[in-house]
Amino acid sequence: MQITIMKTLLRMAAFLSFGFCFAGGLWIFCLAAFGHDPTAALVAALGLFLMGAAFFAGAMLWLFAEKCCARRDEK
């Protein structure tokens, strides 16, 4: 029972971390792409970094949920 709850919470954390990091990175990237700021390249790089971190953080939390909360077959 506790294993399924923990696995569900970790999967929700994976989706939330992916969603928030990706949305924040996309927002920052769009600000840089449509703005006329001289430092737009640096801001765009920050947005791309956050979008890449979203893929990494979400995948790592998902894999941790699968590995940590795997059911063990007892014979």
C-alpha atoms as a PDB file:
ATOM      1  CA  MET A   1       0.000   0.000   0.000  1.00  0.00           C
ATOM      2  CA  GLN A   2       2.715   2.479   0.984  1.00  0.00           C
ATOM      3  CA  ILE A   3       4.785   1.573  -2.073  1.00  0.00           C
ATOM      4  CA  THR A   4       1.983   2.494  -4.472  1.00  0.00           C
ATOM      5  CA  ILE A   5       1.367   5.803  -2.686  1.00  0.00           C
ATOM      6  CA  MET A   6       5.066   6.664  -2.798  1.00  0.00           C
ATOM      7  CA  LYS A   7       5.280   5.682  -6.454  1.00  0.00           C
ATOM      8  CA  THR A   8       2.246   7.818  -7.282  1.00  0.00           C
ATOM      9  CA  LEU A   9       3.666  10.819  -5.421  1.00  0.00           C
ATOM     10  CA  LEU A  10       7.015  10.494  -7.192  1.00  0.00           C
ATOM     11  CA  ARG A  11       5.309  10.249 -10.577  1.00  0.00           C
ATOM     12  CA  MET A  12       3.272  13.373  -9.804  1.00  0.00           C
ATOM     13  CA  ALA A  13       6.477  15.152  -8.752  1.00  0.00           C
ATOM     14  CA  ALA A  14       8.067  14.128 -12.050  1.00  0.00           C
ATOM     15  CA  PHE A  15       5.196  15.585 -14.058  1.00  0.00           C
ATOM     16  CA  LEU A  16       5.055  18.762 -11.981  1.00  0.00           C
ATOM     17  CA  SER A  17       8.793  19.394 -12.132  1.00  0.00           C
ATOM     18  CA  PHE A  18       8.787  18.811 -15.876  1.00  0.00           C
ATOM     19  CA  GLY A  19       5.798  21.063 -16.370  1.00  0.00           C
ATOM     20  CA  PHE A  20       6.975  23.977 -14.267  1.00  0.00           C
ATOM     21  CA  CYS A  21      10.564  23.937 -15.568  1.00  0.00           C
ATOM     22  CA  PHE A  22       9.441  23.612 -19.179  1.00  0.00           C
ATOM     23  CA  ALA A  23       6.781  26.312 -18.877  1.00  0.00           C
ATOM     24  CA  GLY A  24       9.205  28.692 -17.173  1.00  0.00           C
ATOM     25  CA  GLY A  25      11.891  28.046 -19.765  1.00  0.00           C
ATOM     26  CA  LEU A  26       9.452  28.503 -22.618  1.00  0.00           C
ATOM     27  CA  TRP A  27       8.184  31.759 -21.118  1.00  0.00           C
ATOM     28  CA  ILE A  28      11.715  33.123 -20.687  1.00  0.00           C
ATOM     29  CA  PHE A  29      12.676  31.988 -24.196  1.00  0.00           C
ATOM     30  CA  CYS A  30       9.609  33.679 -25.709  1.00  0.00           C
ATOM     31  CA  LEU A  31      10.420  36.898 -23.854  1.00  0.00           C
ATOM     32  CA  ALA A  32      13.899  36.858 -25.363  1.00  0.00           C
ATOM     33  CA  ALA A  33      12.736  35.897 -28.843  1.00  0.00           C
ATOM     34  CA  PHE A  34      10.116  38.635 -29.160  1.00  0.00           C
ATOM     35  CA  GLY A  35      11.902  41.341 -27.174  1.00  0.00           C
ATOM     36  CA  HIS A  36      14.427  43.848 -28.502  1.00  0.00           C
ATOM     37  CA  ASP A  37      16.910  43.541 -25.680  1.00  0.00           C
ATOM     38  CA  PRO A  38      20.669  43.597 -26.370  1.00  0.00           C
ATOM     39  CA  THR A  39      21.136  40.693 -23.948  1.00  0.00           C
ATOM     40  CA  ALA A  40      18.484  38.582 -25.668  1.00  0.00           C
ATOM     41  CA  ALA A  41      20.941  35.815 -26.528  1.00  0.00           C
ATOM     42  CA  LEU A  42      21.836  35.309 -22.857  1.00  0.00           C
ATOM     43  CA  VAL A  43      18.203  35.288 -21.793  1.00  0.00           C
ATOM     44  CA  ALA A  44      17.329  32.856 -24.606  1.00  0.00           C
ATOM     45  CA  ALA A  45      20.141  30.567 -23.450  1.00  0.00           C
ATOM     46  CA  LEU A  46      18.704  30.634 -19.927  1.00  0.00           C
ATOM     47  CA  GLY A  47      15.285  29.662 -21.279  1.00  0.00           C
ATOM     48  CA  LEU A  48      16.760  26.811 -23.296  1.00  0.00           C
ATOM     49  CA  PHE A  49      18.695  25.655 -20.245  1.00  0.00           C
ATOM     50  CA  LEU A  50      15.512  25.507 -18.181  1.00  0.00           C
ATOM     51  CA  MET A  51      13.718  23.566 -20.903  1.00  0.00           C
ATOM     52  CA  GLY A  52      16.588  21.076 -21.023  1.00  0.00           C
ATOM     53  CA  ALA A  53      16.621  20.815 -17.236  1.00  0.00           C
ATOM     54  CA  ALA A  54      12.909  20.004 -17.364  1.00  0.00           C
ATOM     55  CA  PHE A  55      13.576  16.922 -19.472  1.00  0.00           C
ATOM     56  CA  PHE A  56      16.392  15.833 -17.158  1.00  0.00           C
ATOM     57  CA  ALA A  57      14.598  16.440 -13.851  1.00  0.00           C
ATOM     58  CA  GLY A  58      11.343  14.849 -14.964  1.00  0.00           C
ATOM     59  CA  ALA A  59      13.060  11.771 -16.341  1.00  0.00           C
ATOM     60  CA  MET A  60      15.274  11.326 -13.274  1.00  0.00           C
ATOM     61  CA  LEU A  61      12.323  11.553 -10.883  1.00  0.00           C
ATOM     62  CA  TRP A  62      10.355   9.081 -13.020  1.00  0.00           C
ATOM     63  CA  LEU A  63      13.258   6.617 -13.069  1.00  0.00           C
ATOM     64  CA  PHE A  64      13.736   7.022  -9.324  1.00  0.00           C
ATOM     65  CA  ALA A  65      10.070   6.179  -8.799  1.00  0.00           C
ATOM     66  CA  GLU A  66      10.406   3.054 -10.901  1.00  0.00           C
ATOM     67  CA  LYS A  67      13.627   1.889  -9.257  1.00  0.00           C
ATOM     68  CA  CYS A  68      12.914   2.854  -5.663  1.00  0.00           C
ATOM     69  CA  CYS A  69       9.352   1.626  -5.496  1.00  0.00           C
ATOM     70  CA  ALA A  70       9.590  -1.559  -7.536  1.00  0.00           C
ATOM     71  CA  ARG A  71       7.545  -4.458  -6.265  1.00  0.00           C
ATOM     72  CA  ARG A  72       9.601  -7.398  -5.172  1.00  0.00           C
ATOM     73  CA  ASP A  73       8.315 -10.848  -6.054  1.00  0.00           C
ATOM     74  CA  GLU A  74       8.493 -12.990  -2.959  1.00  0.00           C
ATOM     75  CA  LYS A  75       8.285 -16.717  -3.493  1.00  0.00           C
END
